[in-house]
Structures are given as structure tokens and as C-alpha cells.
Amino acid sequence: GPPQLSDDMPAEVMVETFAPGRELTTTVMGDRALAVTDIITTGWYDYDAKYK
């Protein structure tokens, strides 16, 4: 089975397979695309880290 998660993790989690490479994002406002941003993280990259 899967490895055990830390006790401080929520009861339900979503786990994705690691895909090597870079994580990029951009914002589009109307017909204008803003600069592409390279997302560089350390440790857990969870919902809070991505959206808050």
C-alpha cells in the first residue's frame, strides 16, 4: 500500500504522481496574457501554498 502520511495531515488528501519538470503559470485578462511565472517551491506544495 501507499506510505503513511504524517499525523498532522488531514483525514482526506489528494496525491498526484510526480511529474519531473518545471511548474509554470500565467494570468490572462481579457485578450492580454501577463508574464509567465516559474513556480519554485520547497517542501509540501499544497492548496494553501498554491492559492493563499
C-alpha atoms as a PDB file:
ATOM      1  CA  GLY A   1       0.000   0.000   0.000  1.00  0.00           C
ATOM      2  CA  PRO A   2       0.908   3.673  -0.022  1.00  0.00           C
ATOM      3  CA  PRO A   3       3.375   5.087   2.506  1.00  0.00           C
ATOM      4  CA  GLN A   4       1.995   6.513   5.738  1.00  0.00           C
ATOM      5  CA  LEU A   5       1.370  10.253   5.834  1.00  0.00           C
ATOM      6  CA  SER A   6       2.226  12.486   8.762  1.00  0.00           C
ATOM      7  CA  ASP A   7      -0.252  12.592  11.659  1.00  0.00           C
ATOM      8  CA  ASP A   8      -0.757  16.333  11.098  1.00  0.00           C
ATOM      9  CA  MET A   9      -2.186  15.755   7.600  1.00  0.00           C
ATOM     10  CA  PRO A  10      -5.963  15.999   7.048  1.00  0.00           C
ATOM     11  CA  ALA A  11      -8.019  12.791   7.065  1.00  0.00           C
ATOM     12  CA  GLU A  12      -8.541  13.101   3.294  1.00  0.00           C
ATOM     13  CA  VAL A  13      -5.773  14.082   0.886  1.00  0.00           C
ATOM     14  CA  MET A  14      -5.273  14.111  -2.872  1.00  0.00           C
ATOM     15  CA  VAL A  15      -1.995  12.537  -4.003  1.00  0.00           C
ATOM     16  CA  GLU A  16      -0.648  13.036  -7.508  1.00  0.00           C
ATOM     17  CA  THR A  17       2.165  11.233  -9.298  1.00  0.00           C
ATOM     18  CA  PHE A  18       5.330  13.349  -9.501  1.00  0.00           C
ATOM     19  CA  ALA A  19       5.947  14.710 -12.989  1.00  0.00           C
ATOM     20  CA  PRO A  20       9.529  15.953 -13.340  1.00  0.00           C
ATOM     21  CA  GLY A  21       9.943  19.367 -14.888  1.00  0.00           C
ATOM     22  CA  ARG A  22       9.014  22.978 -14.224  1.00  0.00           C
ATOM     23  CA  GLU A  23       5.688  24.355 -12.989  1.00  0.00           C
ATOM     24  CA  LEU A  24       4.697  27.488 -14.871  1.00  0.00           C
ATOM     25  CA  THR A  25       1.626  29.694 -14.618  1.00  0.00           C
ATOM     26  CA  THR A  26       0.276  32.786 -16.345  1.00  0.00           C
ATOM     27  CA  THR A  27      -2.728  35.052 -15.995  1.00  0.00           C
ATOM     28  CA  VAL A  28      -4.955  36.070 -18.900  1.00  0.00           C
ATOM     29  CA  MET A  29      -7.055  39.222 -18.505  1.00  0.00           C
ATOM     30  CA  GLY A  30      -9.422  39.732 -21.418  1.00  0.00           C
ATOM     31  CA  ASP A  31      -7.289  39.369 -24.538  1.00  0.00           C
ATOM     32  CA  ARG A  32      -3.994  40.116 -22.742  1.00  0.00           C
ATOM     33  CA  ALA A  33      -1.646  37.492 -21.293  1.00  0.00           C
ATOM     34  CA  LEU A  34       0.572  38.658 -18.446  1.00  0.00           C
ATOM     35  CA  ALA A  35       4.108  37.420 -17.774  1.00  0.00           C
ATOM     36  CA  VAL A  36       4.740  33.712 -17.302  1.00  0.00           C
ATOM     37  CA  THR A  37       5.834  32.877 -13.755  1.00  0.00           C
ATOM     38  CA  ASP A  38       8.055  29.942 -12.788  1.00  0.00           C
ATOM     39  CA  ILE A  39       6.786  28.372  -9.535  1.00  0.00           C
ATOM     40  CA  ILE A  40       9.672  27.290  -7.301  1.00  0.00           C
ATOM     41  CA  THR A  41       8.791  25.597  -4.008  1.00  0.00           C
ATOM     42  CA  THR A  42      10.363  23.624  -1.200  1.00  0.00           C
ATOM     43  CA  GLY A  43       8.630  21.035   0.929  1.00  0.00           C
ATOM     44  CA  TRP A  44       4.895  20.419   0.553  1.00  0.00           C
ATOM     45  CA  TYR A  45       3.181  22.295  -2.276  1.00  0.00           C
ATOM     46  CA  ASP A  46      -0.403  22.102  -1.053  1.00  0.00           C
ATOM     47  CA  TYR A  47      -3.630  24.015  -1.676  1.00  0.00           C
ATOM     48  CA  ASP A  48      -2.715  26.714   0.852  1.00  0.00           C
ATOM     49  CA  ALA A  49       0.715  27.226  -0.721  1.00  0.00           C
ATOM     50  CA  LYS A  50      -0.791  27.474  -4.209  1.00  0.00           C
ATOM     51  CA  TYR A  51      -3.903  29.562  -3.616  1.00  0.00           C
ATOM     52  CA  LYS A  52      -3.406  31.597  -0.418  1.00  0.00           C
END
